[in-house]
């Protein structure tokens, strides 16, 4: 058996970490107006013996750069505003891009505040 669960993703430079069952599949993303948030729907096996994985997802605004290794999943649109939220999966093993405690690295290059828009989005 399988089921679909809904998860809230936070936009911004820091990824959202989800604990998912091995064999999961992202099926939808949507911007929910009353919550002012992006949600992700994920199909997962219900078998209690299925191992779990920690996976990270990043929500980026239009025009905001993300590393080439990130996998685009879907776009969620605000039906009453100009924003589009693009959902990316961070490949396993690439989490070190966001580990600022280990080497002093920063995500400032990916933050919306530091991005200069050069295209109409």
PDB file of N, CA and C in Angstrom:
ATOM      1  N   UNK A   1       0.839  -1.179   0.000  1.00  0.00           N
ATOM      2  CA  UNK A   1       0.000   0.000   0.000  1.00  0.00           C
ATOM      3  C   UNK A   1       0.882   1.240   0.000  1.00  0.00           C
ATOM      4  N   UNK A   2       0.268   2.348  -0.401  1.00  0.00           N
ATOM      5  CA  UNK A   2       0.973   3.627  -0.405  1.00  0.00           C
ATOM      6  C   UNK A   2      -0.012   4.730  -0.047  1.00  0.00           C
ATOM      7  N   UNK A   3       0.539   5.906   0.229  1.00  0.00           N
ATOM      8  CA  UNK A   3      -0.272   7.054   0.589  1.00  0.00           C
ATOM      9  C   UNK A   3       0.418   8.310   0.086  1.00  0.00           C
ATOM     10  N   UNK A   4      -0.276   9.442   0.185  1.00  0.00           N
ATOM     11  CA  UNK A   4       0.303  10.737  -0.165  1.00  0.00           C
ATOM     12  C   UNK A   4       0.239  11.626   1.062  1.00  0.00           C
ATOM     13  N   UNK A   5       1.384  12.225   1.417  1.00  0.00           N
ATOM     14  CA  UNK A   5       1.468  13.150   2.534  1.00  0.00           C
ATOM     15  C   UNK A   5       1.786  14.548   2.012  1.00  0.00           C
ATOM     16  N   UNK A   6       1.353  15.548   2.764  1.00  0.00           N
ATOM     17  CA  UNK A   6       1.584  16.954   2.420  1.00  0.00           C
ATOM     18  C   UNK A   6       2.619  17.534   3.387  1.00  0.00           C
ATOM     19  N   UNK A   7       3.598  18.291   2.827  1.00  0.00           N
ATOM     20  CA  UNK A   7       4.658  18.906   3.621  1.00  0.00           C
ATOM     21  C   UNK A   7       4.769  20.382   3.258  1.00  0.00           C
ATOM     22  N   UNK A   8       4.981  21.215   4.261  1.00  0.00           N
ATOM     23  CA  UNK A   8       5.201  22.652   4.032  1.00  0.00           C
ATOM     24  C   UNK A   8       6.682  22.887   3.751  1.00  0.00           C
ATOM     25  N   UNK A   9       6.973  23.651   2.702  1.00  0.00           N
ATOM     26  CA  UNK A   9       8.346  24.039   2.366  1.00  0.00           C
ATOM     27  C   UNK A   9       8.510  25.526   2.613  1.00  0.00           C
ATOM     28  N   UNK A  10       9.633  25.904   3.170  1.00  0.00           N
ATOM     29  CA  UNK A  10       9.904  27.311   3.445  1.00  0.00           C
ATOM     30  C   UNK A  10      10.753  27.913   2.329  1.00  0.00           C
ATOM     31  N   UNK A  11      10.296  29.003   1.718  1.00  0.00           N
ATOM     32  CA  UNK A  11      11.135  29.647   0.707  1.00  0.00           C
ATOM     33  C   UNK A  11      12.331  30.324   1.360  1.00  0.00           C
ATOM     34  N   UNK A  12      13.375  30.508   0.598  1.00  0.00           N
ATOM     35  CA  UNK A  12      14.560  31.174   1.116  1.00  0.00           C
ATOM     36  C   UNK A  12      15.802  30.364   0.872  1.00  0.00           C
ATOM     37  N   UNK A  13      16.906  30.844   1.429  1.00  0.00           N
ATOM     38  CA  UNK A  13      18.196  30.232   1.129  1.00  0.00           C
ATOM     39  C   UNK A  13      18.426  28.905   1.838  1.00  0.00           C
ATOM     40  N   UNK A  14      17.769  28.665   2.946  1.00  0.00           N
ATOM     41  CA  UNK A  14      17.973  27.406   3.670  1.00  0.00           C
ATOM     42  C   UNK A  14      16.992  26.340   3.174  1.00  0.00           C
ATOM     43  N   UNK A  15      17.475  25.132   2.957  1.00  0.00           N
ATOM     44  CA  UNK A  15      16.584  24.071   2.480  1.00  0.00           C
ATOM     45  C   UNK A  15      15.695  23.530   3.598  1.00  0.00           C
ATOM     46  N   UNK A  16      14.631  22.859   3.198  1.00  0.00           N
ATOM     47  CA  UNK A  16      13.751  22.158   4.120  1.00  0.00           C
ATOM     48  C   UNK A  16      14.124  20.686   4.071  1.00  0.00           C
ATOM     49  N   UNK A  17      14.381  20.079   5.225  1.00  0.00           N
ATOM     50  CA  UNK A  17      14.724  18.661   5.306  1.00  0.00           C
ATOM     51  C   UNK A  17      13.477  17.870   5.660  1.00  0.00           C
ATOM     52  N   UNK A  18      13.188  16.843   4.873  1.00  0.00           N
ATOM     53  CA  UNK A  18      12.047  15.966   5.110  1.00  0.00           C
ATOM     54  C   UNK A  18      12.539  14.543   5.311  1.00  0.00           C
ATOM     55  N   UNK A  19      11.886  13.819   6.215  1.00  0.00           N
ATOM     56  CA  UNK A  19      12.160  12.402   6.398  1.00  0.00           C
ATOM     57  C   UNK A  19      11.114  11.642   5.605  1.00  0.00           C
ATOM     58  N   UNK A  20      11.569  10.941   4.567  1.00  0.00           N
ATOM     59  CA  UNK A  20      10.671  10.270   3.629  1.00  0.00           C
ATOM     60  C   UNK A  20      11.000   8.785   3.558  1.00  0.00           C
ATOM     61  N   UNK A  21      10.034   8.003   3.117  1.00  0.00           N
ATOM     62  CA  UNK A  21      10.245   6.566   2.944  1.00  0.00           C
ATOM     63  C   UNK A  21      10.991   6.317   1.628  1.00  0.00           C
ATOM     64  N   UNK A  22      11.894   5.349   1.652  1.00  0.00           N
ATOM     65  CA  UNK A  22      12.603   4.963   0.443  1.00  0.00           C
ATOM     66  C   UNK A  22      11.580   4.593  -0.632  1.00  0.00           C
ATOM     67  N   UNK A  23      11.787   5.073  -1.850  1.00  0.00           N
ATOM     68  CA  UNK A  23      10.838   4.836  -2.930  1.00  0.00           C
ATOM     69  C   UNK A  23       9.802   5.940  -3.056  1.00  0.00           C
ATOM     70  N   UNK A  24       9.978   7.047  -2.334  1.00  0.00           N
ATOM     71  CA  UNK A  24       9.029   8.168  -2.403  1.00  0.00           C
ATOM     72  C   UNK A  24       8.999   8.765  -3.809  1.00  0.00           C
ATOM     73  N   UNK A  25       7.934   9.519  -4.080  1.00  0.00           N
ATOM     74  CA  UNK A  25       7.797  10.208  -5.365  1.00  0.00           C
ATOM     75  C   UNK A  25       7.035  11.503  -5.142  1.00  0.00           C
ATOM     76  N   UNK A  26       7.624  12.637  -5.547  1.00  0.00           N
ATOM     77  CA  UNK A  26       6.953  13.926  -5.451  1.00  0.00           C
ATOM     78  C   UNK A  26       5.890  13.975  -6.536  1.00  0.00           C
ATOM     79  N   UNK A  27       4.640  14.308  -6.138  1.00  0.00           N
ATOM     80  CA  UNK A  27       3.551  14.299  -7.112  1.00  0.00           C
ATOM     81  C   UNK A  27       2.972  15.681  -7.399  1.00  0.00           C
ATOM     82  N   UNK A  28       3.210  16.665  -6.511  1.00  0.00           N
ATOM     83  CA  UNK A  28       2.608  17.980  -6.733  1.00  0.00           C
ATOM     84  C   UNK A  28       3.223  19.011  -5.797  1.00  0.00           C
ATOM     85  N   UNK A  29       3.216  20.255  -6.240  1.00  0.00           N
ATOM     86  CA  UNK A  29       3.507  21.381  -5.352  1.00  0.00           C
ATOM     87  C   UNK A  29       2.480  22.463  -5.636  1.00  0.00           C
ATOM     88  N   UNK A  30       2.188  23.247  -4.611  1.00  0.00           N
ATOM     89  CA  UNK A  30       1.180  24.297  -4.768  1.00  0.00           C
ATOM     90  C   UNK A  30       1.407  25.380  -3.724  1.00  0.00           C
ATOM     91  N   UNK A  31       1.128  26.619  -4.115  1.00  0.00           N
ATOM     92  CA  UNK A  31       1.148  27.737  -3.172  1.00  0.00           C
ATOM     93  C   UNK A  31      -0.247  27.849  -2.583  1.00  0.00           C
ATOM     94  N   UNK A  32      -0.349  27.714  -1.259  1.00  0.00           N
ATOM     95  CA  UNK A  32      -1.646  27.789  -0.583  1.00  0.00           C
ATOM     96  C   UNK A  32      -1.802  29.207  -0.025  1.00  0.00           C
ATOM     97  N   UNK A  33      -2.729  29.963  -0.594  1.00  0.00           N
ATOM     98  CA  UNK A  33      -2.893  31.381  -0.280  1.00  0.00           C
ATOM     99  C   UNK A  33      -3.156  31.645   1.208  1.00  0.00           C
ATOM    100  N   UNK A  34      -4.126  30.966   1.847  1.00  0.00           N
ATOM    101  CA  UNK A  34      -4.384  31.291   3.257  1.00  0.00           C
ATOM    102  C   UNK A  34      -3.171  31.071   4.171  1.00  0.00           C
ATOM    103  N   UNK A  35      -2.301  30.144   3.811  1.00  0.00           N
ATOM    104  CA  UNK A  35      -1.106  29.853   4.614  1.00  0.00           C
ATOM    105  C   UNK A  35       0.102  30.664   4.152  1.00  0.00           C
ATOM    106  N   UNK A  36      -0.007  31.263   2.956  1.00  0.00           N
ATOM    107  CA  UNK A  36       1.106  31.997   2.345  1.00  0.00           C
ATOM    108  C   UNK A  36       2.366  31.138   2.336  1.00  0.00           C
ATOM    109  N   UNK A  37       2.203  29.891   1.848  1.00  0.00           N
ATOM    110  CA  UNK A  37       3.313  28.944   1.874  1.00  0.00           C
ATOM    111  C   UNK A  37       3.211  27.971   0.705  1.00  0.00           C
ATOM    112  N   UNK A  38       4.360  27.392   0.355  1.00  0.00           N
ATOM    113  CA  UNK A  38       4.435  26.356  -0.671  1.00  0.00           C
ATOM    114  C   UNK A  38       4.343  25.002   0.025  1.00  0.00           C
ATOM    115  N   UNK A  39       3.510  24.126  -0.529  1.00  0.00           N
ATOM    116  CA  UNK A  39       3.368  22.772  -0.011  1.00  0.00           C
ATOM    117  C   UNK A  39       3.782  21.772  -1.079  1.00  0.00           C
ATOM    118  N   UNK A  40       4.286  20.637  -0.617  1.00  0.00           N
ATOM    119  CA  UNK A  40       4.735  19.558  -1.483  1.00  0.00           C
ATOM    120  C   UNK A  40       3.970  18.303  -1.104  1.00  0.00           C
ATOM    121  N   UNK A  41       3.393  17.617  -2.101  1.00  0.00           N
ATOM    122  CA  UNK A  41       2.702  16.356  -1.875  1.00  0.00           C
ATOM    123  C   UNK A  41       3.618  15.234  -2.344  1.00  0.00           C
ATOM    124  N   UNK A  42       3.811  14.234  -1.472  1.00  0.00           N
ATOM    125  CA  UNK A  42       4.756  13.157  -1.737  1.00  0.00           C
ATOM    126  C   UNK A  42       4.065  11.813  -1.540  1.00  0.00           C
ATOM    127  N   UNK A  43       4.141  10.973  -2.577  1.00  0.00           N
ATOM    128  CA  UNK A  43       3.632   9.599  -2.488  1.00  0.00           C
ATOM    129  C   UNK A  43       4.721   8.749  -1.839  1.00  0.00           C
ATOM    130  N   UNK A  44       4.309   7.945  -0.831  1.00  0.00           N
ATOM    131  CA  UNK A  44       5.262   7.109  -0.101  1.00  0.00           C
ATOM    132  C   UNK A  44       4.669   5.742   0.194  1.00  0.00           C
ATOM    133  N   UNK A  45       5.515   4.721   0.287  1.00  0.00           N
ATOM    134  CA  UNK A  45       5.030   3.407   0.703  1.00  0.00           C
ATOM    135  C   UNK A  45       4.559   3.462   2.162  1.00  0.00           C
ATOM    136  N   UNK A  46       3.557   2.650   2.490  1.00  0.00           N
ATOM    137  CA  UNK A  46       3.048   2.579   3.861  1.00  0.00           C
ATOM    138  C   UNK A  46       3.706   1.486   4.688  1.00  0.00           C
ATOM    139  N   UNK A  47       4.454   0.605   4.075  1.00  0.00           N
ATOM    140  CA  UNK A  47       5.089  -0.508   4.778  1.00  0.00           C
ATOM    141  C   UNK A  47       6.018   0.026   5.872  1.00  0.00           C
ATOM    142  N   UNK A  48       5.780  -0.398   7.120  1.00  0.00           N
ATOM    143  CA  UNK A  48       6.577   0.104   8.243  1.00  0.00           C
ATOM    144  C   UNK A  48       8.027  -0.357   8.198  1.00  0.00           C
ATOM    145  N   UNK A  49       8.321  -1.372   7.430  1.00  0.00           N
ATOM    146  CA  UNK A  49       9.699  -1.862   7.343  1.00  0.00           C
ATOM    147  C   UNK A  49      10.507  -1.120   6.274  1.00  0.00           C
ATOM    148  N   UNK A  50       9.857  -0.264   5.498  1.00  0.00           N
ATOM    149  CA  UNK A  50      10.568   0.500   4.472  1.00  0.00           C
ATOM    150  C   UNK A  50      11.500   1.503   5.150  1.00  0.00           C
ATOM    151  N   UNK A  51      12.779   1.499   4.788  1.00  0.00           N
ATOM    152  CA  UNK A  51      13.727   2.447   5.404  1.00  0.00           C
ATOM    153  C   UNK A  51      13.358   3.894   5.073  1.00  0.00           C
ATOM    154  N   UNK A  52      13.736   4.800   5.972  1.00  0.00           N
ATOM    155  CA  UNK A  52      13.503   6.223   5.737  1.00  0.00           C
ATOM    156  C   UNK A  52      14.786   6.894   5.283  1.00  0.00           C
ATOM    157  N   UNK A  53      14.619   8.007   4.589  1.00  0.00           N
ATOM    158  CA  UNK A  53      15.727   8.810   4.083  1.00  0.00           C
ATOM    159  C   UNK A  53      15.475  10.255   4.475  1.00  0.00           C
ATOM    160  N   UNK A  54      16.544  11.000   4.707  1.00  0.00           N
ATOM    161  CA  UNK A  54      16.397  12.442   4.877  1.00  0.00           C
ATOM    162  C   UNK A  54      16.746  13.084   3.544  1.00  0.00           C
ATOM    163  N   UNK A  55      15.820  13.874   3.025  1.00  0.00           N
ATOM    164  CA  UNK A  55      16.034  14.562   1.753  1.00  0.00           C
ATOM    165  C   UNK A  55      15.759  16.045   1.941  1.00  0.00           C
ATOM    166  N   UNK A  56      16.495  16.863   1.186  1.00  0.00           N
ATOM    167  CA  UNK A  56      16.342  18.308   1.286  1.00  0.00           C
ATOM    168  C   UNK A  56      15.741  18.872   0.010  1.00  0.00           C
ATOM    169  N   UNK A  57      14.906  19.896   0.208  1.00  0.00           N
ATOM    170  CA  UNK A  57      14.236  20.582  -0.882  1.00  0.00           C
ATOM    171  C   UNK A  57      14.440  22.078  -0.698  1.00  0.00           C
ATOM    172  N   UNK A  58      14.543  22.776  -1.806  1.00  0.00           N
ATOM    173  CA  UNK A  58      14.765  24.226  -1.780  1.00  0.00           C
ATOM    174  C   UNK A  58      13.727  24.907  -2.649  1.00  0.00           C
ATOM    175  N   UNK A  59      13.146  25.963  -2.131  1.00  0.00           N
ATOM    176  CA  UNK A  59      12.207  26.785  -2.884  1.00  0.00           C
ATOM    177  C   UNK A  59      12.947  28.046  -3.307  1.00  0.00           C
ATOM    178  N   UNK A  60      12.972  28.307  -4.605  1.00  0.00           N
ATOM    179  CA  UNK A  60      13.664  29.477  -5.139  1.00  0.00           C
ATOM    180  C   UNK A  60      12.659  30.360  -5.869  1.00  0.00           C
ATOM    181  N   UNK A  61      12.892  31.660  -5.808  1.00  0.00           N
ATOM    182  CA  UNK A  61      12.072  32.611  -6.544  1.00  0.00           C
ATOM    183  C   UNK A  61      12.527  32.663  -8.002  1.00  0.00           C
ATOM    184  N   UNK A  62      11.681  33.172  -8.880  1.00  0.00           N
ATOM    185  CA  UNK A  62      12.073  33.338 -10.281  1.00  0.00           C
ATOM    186  C   UNK A  62      13.295  34.243 -10.364  1.00  0.00           C
ATOM    187  N   UNK A  63      14.254  33.841 -11.177  1.00  0.00           N
ATOM    188  CA  UNK A  63      15.463  34.625 -11.362  1.00  0.00           C
ATOM    189  C   UNK A  63      16.543  34.371 -10.337  1.00  0.00           C
ATOM    190  N   UNK A  64      16.245  33.597  -9.321  1.00  0.00           N
ATOM    191  CA  UNK A  64      17.218  33.301  -8.268  1.00  0.00           C
ATOM    192  C   UNK A  64      18.076  32.107  -8.693  1.00  0.00           C
ATOM    193  N   UNK A  65      19.391  32.217  -8.595  1.00  0.00           N
ATOM    194  CA  UNK A  65      20.250  31.103  -9.036  1.00  0.00           C
ATOM    195  C   UNK A  65      20.252  29.950  -8.038  1.00  0.00           C
ATOM    196  N   UNK A  66      20.356  28.745  -8.568  1.00  0.00           N
ATOM    197  CA  UNK A  66      20.541  27.538  -7.761  1.00  0.00           C
ATOM    198  C   UNK A  66      21.647  26.727  -8.433  1.00  0.00           C
ATOM    199  N   UNK A  67      22.354  25.887  -7.678  1.00  0.00           N
ATOM    200  CA  UNK A  67      23.418  25.074  -8.280  1.00  0.00           C
ATOM    201  C   UNK A  67      22.892  24.161  -9.386  1.00  0.00           C
ATOM    202  N   UNK A  68      23.737  23.871 -10.360  1.00  0.00           N
ATOM    203  CA  UNK A  68      23.378  23.005 -11.483  1.00  0.00           C
ATOM    204  C   UNK A  68      22.931  21.623 -11.043  1.00  0.00           C
ATOM    205  N   UNK A  69      23.443  21.158  -9.914  1.00  0.00           N
ATOM    206  CA  UNK A  69      23.124  19.802  -9.457  1.00  0.00           C
ATOM    207  C   UNK A  69      21.708  19.675  -8.882  1.00  0.00           C
ATOM    208  N   UNK A  70      21.050  20.796  -8.553  1.00  0.00           N
ATOM    209  CA  UNK A  70      19.699  20.731  -8.005  1.00  0.00           C
ATOM    210  C   UNK A  70      18.737  20.254  -9.089  1.00  0.00           C
ATOM    211  N   UNK A  71      17.780  19.398  -8.699  1.00  0.00           N
ATOM    212  CA  UNK A  71      16.819  18.844  -9.646  1.00  0.00           C
ATOM    213  C   UNK A  71      15.494  19.600  -9.556  1.00  0.00           C
ATOM    214  N   UNK A  72      15.098  20.224 -10.658  1.00  0.00           N
ATOM    215  CA  UNK A  72      13.822  20.938 -10.693  1.00  0.00           C
ATOM    216  C   UNK A  72      12.674  19.938 -10.582  1.00  0.00           C
ATOM    217  N   UNK A  73      11.713  20.230  -9.711  1.00  0.00           N
ATOM    218  CA  UNK A  73      10.563  19.348  -9.525  1.00  0.00           C
ATOM    219  C   UNK A  73       9.263  19.954 -10.032  1.00  0.00           C
ATOM    220  N   UNK A  74       9.005  21.223  -9.671  1.00  0.00           N
ATOM    221  CA  UNK A  74       7.713  21.816 -10.010  1.00  0.00           C
ATOM    222  C   UNK A  74       7.740  23.307  -9.690  1.00  0.00           C
ATOM    223  N   UNK A  75       6.722  24.022 -10.151  1.00  0.00           N
ATOM    224  CA  UNK A  75       6.559  25.433  -9.852  1.00  0.00           C
ATOM    225  C   UNK A  75       5.198  25.645  -9.216  1.00  0.00           C
ATOM    226  N   UNK A  76       5.176  26.425  -8.151  1.00  0.00           N
ATOM    227  CA  UNK A  76       3.940  26.789  -7.465  1.00  0.00           C
ATOM    228  C   UNK A  76       3.710  28.281  -7.677  1.00  0.00           C
ATOM    229  N   UNK A  77       2.526  28.648  -8.115  1.00  0.00           N
ATOM    230  CA  UNK A  77       2.215  30.043  -8.416  1.00  0.00           C
ATOM    231  C   UNK A  77       1.295  30.646  -7.370  1.00  0.00           C
ATOM    232  N   UNK A  78       1.558  31.902  -7.026  1.00  0.00           N
ATOM    233  CA  UNK A  78       0.651  32.661  -6.173  1.00  0.00           C
ATOM    234  C   UNK A  78      -0.422  33.232  -7.096  1.00  0.00           C
ATOM    235  N   UNK A  79      -1.685  32.761  -7.012  1.00  0.00           N
ATOM    236  CA  UNK A  79      -2.709  33.217  -7.952  1.00  0.00           C
ATOM    237  C   UNK A  79      -3.092  34.684  -7.783  1.00  0.00           C
ATOM    238  N   UNK A  80      -2.733  35.305  -6.656  1.00  0.00           N
ATOM    239  CA  UNK A  80      -3.096  36.699  -6.409  1.00  0.00           C
ATOM    240  C   UNK A  80      -1.891  37.618  -6.355  1.00  0.00           C
ATOM    241  N   UNK A  81      -0.721  37.123  -6.701  1.00  0.00           N
ATOM    242  CA  UNK A  81       0.481  37.941  -6.663  1.00  0.00           C
ATOM    243  C   UNK A  81       1.403  37.601  -7.815  1.00  0.00           C
ATOM    244  N   UNK A  82       2.499  38.326  -7.921  1.00  0.00           N
ATOM    245  CA  UNK A  82       3.404  38.136  -9.057  1.00  0.00           C
ATOM    246  C   UNK A  82       4.428  37.021  -8.866  1.00  0.00           C
ATOM    247  N   UNK A  83       4.471  36.418  -7.693  1.00  0.00           N
ATOM    248  CA  UNK A  83       5.531  35.458  -7.406  1.00  0.00           C
ATOM    249  C   UNK A  83       5.282  34.065  -7.964  1.00  0.00           C
ATOM    250  N   UNK A  84       6.390  33.439  -8.360  1.00  0.00           N
ATOM    251  CA  UNK A  84       6.416  32.021  -8.714  1.00  0.00           C
ATOM    252  C   UNK A  84       7.475  31.387  -7.831  1.00  0.00           C
ATOM    253  N   UNK A  85       7.157  30.232  -7.295  1.00  0.00           N
ATOM    254  CA  UNK A  85       8.051  29.520  -6.388  1.00  0.00           C
ATOM    255  C   UNK A  85       8.466  28.218  -7.064  1.00  0.00           C
ATOM    256  N   UNK A  86       9.758  28.041  -7.278  1.00  0.00           N
ATOM    257  CA  UNK A  86      10.270  26.888  -7.994  1.00  0.00           C
ATOM    258  C   UNK A  86      10.871  25.909  -6.983  1.00  0.00           C
ATOM    259  N   UNK A  87      10.413  24.663  -7.019  1.00  0.00           N
ATOM    260  CA  UNK A  87      10.817  23.660  -6.052  1.00  0.00           C
ATOM    261  C   UNK A  87      11.915  22.787  -6.666  1.00  0.00           C
ATOM    262  N   UNK A  88      13.017  22.660  -5.926  1.00  0.00           N
ATOM    263  CA  UNK A  88      14.159  21.855  -6.349  1.00  0.00           C
ATOM    264  C   UNK A  88      14.477  20.815  -5.285  1.00  0.00           C
ATOM    265  N   UNK A  89      14.885  19.639  -5.723  1.00  0.00           N
ATOM    266  CA  UNK A  89      15.407  18.611  -4.821  1.00  0.00           C
ATOM    267  C   UNK A  89      16.918  18.752  -4.797  1.00  0.00           C
ATOM    268  N   UNK A  90      17.485  18.709  -3.601  1.00  0.00           N
ATOM    269  CA  UNK A  90      18.933  18.754  -3.457  1.00  0.00           C
ATOM    270  C   UNK A  90      19.428  17.309  -3.466  1.00  0.00           C
ATOM    271  N   UNK A  91      20.291  16.957  -4.402  1.00  0.00           N
ATOM    272  CA  UNK A  91      20.766  15.566  -4.471  1.00  0.00           C
ATOM    273  C   UNK A  91      21.436  15.132  -3.169  1.00  0.00           C
ATOM    274  N   UNK A  92      21.250  13.875  -2.811  1.00  0.00           N
ATOM    275  CA  UNK A  92      21.911  13.326  -1.623  1.00  0.00           C
ATOM    276  C   UNK A  92      23.415  13.522  -1.781  1.00  0.00           C
ATOM    277  N   UNK A  93      24.064  13.969  -0.735  1.00  0.00           N
ATOM    278  CA  UNK A  93      25.498  14.220  -0.782  1.00  0.00           C
ATOM    279  C   UNK A  93      25.847  15.654  -1.099  1.00  0.00           C
ATOM    280  N   UNK A  94      24.866  16.471  -1.489  1.00  0.00           N
ATOM    281  CA  UNK A  94      25.130  17.876  -1.812  1.00  0.00           C
ATOM    282  C   UNK A  94      24.733  18.795  -0.665  1.00  0.00           C
ATOM    283  N   UNK A  95      24.336  18.215   0.474  1.00  0.00           N
ATOM    284  CA  UNK A  95      23.898  19.006   1.609  1.00  0.00           C
ATOM    285  C   UNK A  95      25.004  19.913   2.138  1.00  0.00           C
ATOM    286  N   UNK A  96      26.261  19.581   1.838  1.00  0.00           N
ATOM    287  CA  UNK A  96      27.362  20.383   2.353  1.00  0.00           C
ATOM    288  C   UNK A  96      27.334  21.811   1.823  1.00  0.00           C
ATOM    289  N   UNK A  97      26.596  22.054   0.733  1.00  0.00           N
ATOM    290  CA  UNK A  97      26.453  23.416   0.218  1.00  0.00           C
ATOM    291  C   UNK A  97      25.824  24.323   1.259  1.00  0.00           C
ATOM    292  N   UNK A  98      25.075  23.733   2.201  1.00  0.00           N
ATOM    293  CA  UNK A  98      24.349  24.524   3.180  1.00  0.00           C
ATOM    294  C   UNK A  98      24.884  24.363   4.586  1.00  0.00           C
ATOM    295  N   UNK A  99      25.957  23.612   4.771  1.00  0.00           N
ATOM    296  CA  UNK A  99      26.506  23.391   6.093  1.00  0.00           C
ATOM    297  C   UNK A  99      27.480  24.519   6.402  1.00  0.00           C
ATOM    298  N   UNK A 100      26.984  25.583   7.021  1.00  0.00           N
ATOM    299  CA  UNK A 100      27.810  26.759   7.278  1.00  0.00           C
ATOM    300  C   UNK A 100      28.675  26.590   8.502  1.00  0.00           C
ATOM    301  N   UNK A 101      28.363  25.654   9.379  1.00  0.00           N
ATOM    302  CA  UNK A 101      29.137  25.488  10.613  1.00  0.00           C
ATOM    303  C   UNK A 101      30.490  24.843  10.353  1.00  0.00           C
ATOM    304  N   UNK A 102      30.584  24.009   9.319  1.00  0.00           N
ATOM    305  CA  UNK A 102      31.800  23.234   9.130  1.00  0.00           C
ATOM    306  C   UNK A 102      32.955  24.043   8.550  1.00  0.00           C
ATOM    307  N   UNK A 103      32.696  24.899   7.576  1.00  0.00           N
ATOM    308  CA  UNK A 103      33.818  25.572   6.928  1.00  0.00           C
ATOM    309  C   UNK A 103      33.612  27.069   6.753  1.00  0.00           C
ATOM    310  N   UNK A 104      32.587  27.606   7.370  1.00  0.00           N
ATOM    311  CA  UNK A 104      32.355  29.035   7.265  1.00  0.00           C
ATOM    312  C   UNK A 104      31.736  29.444   5.945  1.00  0.00           C
ATOM    313  N   UNK A 105      31.329  28.496   5.130  1.00  0.00           N
ATOM    314  CA  UNK A 105      30.700  28.827   3.855  1.00  0.00           C
ATOM    315  C   UNK A 105      29.364  29.494   4.117  1.00  0.00           C
ATOM    316  N   UNK A 106      28.880  30.204   3.116  1.00  0.00           N
ATOM    317  CA  UNK A 106      27.619  30.928   3.278  1.00  0.00           C
ATOM    318  C   UNK A 106      26.717  30.688   2.088  1.00  0.00           C
ATOM    319  N   UNK A 107      25.436  30.798   2.342  1.00  0.00           N
ATOM    320  CA  UNK A 107      24.451  30.693   1.271  1.00  0.00           C
ATOM    321  C   UNK A 107      24.079  32.062   0.732  1.00  0.00           C
ATOM    322  N   UNK A 108      24.801  33.098   1.125  1.00  0.00           N
ATOM    323  CA  UNK A 108      24.425  34.438   0.699  1.00  0.00           C
ATOM    324  C   UNK A 108      24.360  34.573  -0.812  1.00  0.00           C
ATOM    325  N   UNK A 109      25.168  33.799  -1.525  1.00  0.00           N
ATOM    326  CA  UNK A 109      25.136  33.864  -2.983  1.00  0.00           C
ATOM    327  C   UNK A 109      23.800  33.409  -3.528  1.00  0.00           C
ATOM    328  N   UNK A 110      23.057  32.642  -2.736  1.00  0.00           N
ATOM    329  CA  UNK A 110      21.779  32.118  -3.194  1.00  0.00           C
ATOM    330  C   UNK A 110      20.595  32.885  -2.629  1.00  0.00           C
ATOM    331  N   UNK A 111      20.829  33.868  -1.774  1.00  0.00           N
ATOM    332  CA  UNK A 111      19.708  34.545  -1.127  1.00  0.00           C
ATOM    333  C   UNK A 111      19.081  35.554  -2.073  1.00  0.00           C
ATOM    334  N   UNK A 112      17.790  35.760  -1.899  1.00  0.00           N
ATOM    335  CA  UNK A 112      17.041  36.664  -2.762  1.00  0.00           C
ATOM    336  C   UNK A 112      17.563  38.093  -2.641  1.00  0.00           C
ATOM    337  N   UNK A 113      17.971  38.512  -1.464  1.00  0.00           N
ATOM    338  CA  UNK A 113      18.395  39.871  -1.252  1.00  0.00           C
ATOM    339  C   UNK A 113      19.649  40.225  -2.072  1.00  0.00           C
ATOM    340  N   UNK A 114      20.505  39.254  -2.311  1.00  0.00           N
ATOM    341  CA  UNK A 114      21.754  39.510  -3.036  1.00  0.00           C
ATOM    342  C   UNK A 114      21.637  39.293  -4.530  1.00  0.00           C
ATOM    343  N   UNK A 115      20.503  38.878  -5.030  1.00  0.00           N
ATOM    344  CA  UNK A 115      20.342  38.591  -6.438  1.00  0.00           C
ATOM    345  C   UNK A 115      19.854  39.828  -7.158  1.00  0.00           C
ATOM    346  N   UNK A 116      20.543  40.221  -8.207  1.00  0.00           N
ATOM    347  CA  UNK A 116      20.135  41.360  -9.004  1.00  0.00           C
ATOM    348  C   UNK A 116      19.324  40.869 -10.196  1.00  0.00           C
ATOM    349  N   UNK A 117      18.066  41.234 -10.247  1.00  0.00           N
ATOM    350  CA  UNK A 117      17.206  40.799 -11.349  1.00  0.00           C
ATOM    351  C   UNK A 117      17.636  41.491 -12.630  1.00  0.00           C
ATOM    352  N   UNK A 118      17.879  40.710 -13.663  1.00  0.00           N
ATOM    353  CA  UNK A 118      18.267  41.272 -14.958  1.00  0.00           C
ATOM    354  C   UNK A 118      17.267  40.916 -16.033  1.00  0.00           C
ATOM    355  N   UNK A 119      16.300  40.072 -15.697  1.00  0.00           N
ATOM    356  CA  UNK A 119      15.295  39.680 -16.662  1.00  0.00           C
ATOM    357  C   UNK A 119      13.923  39.973 -16.092  1.00  0.00           C
ATOM    358  N   UNK A 120      12.968  40.118 -16.967  1.00  0.00           N
ATOM    359  CA  UNK A 120      11.593  40.302 -16.526  1.00  0.00           C
ATOM    360  C   UNK A 120      11.067  38.942 -16.139  1.00  0.00           C
ATOM    361  N   UNK A 121      10.585  38.820 -14.899  1.00  0.00           N
ATOM    362  CA  UNK A 121      10.084  37.519 -14.454  1.00  0.00           C
ATOM    363  C   UNK A 121       8.665  37.619 -13.959  1.00  0.00           C
TER     364      UNK A 121
END
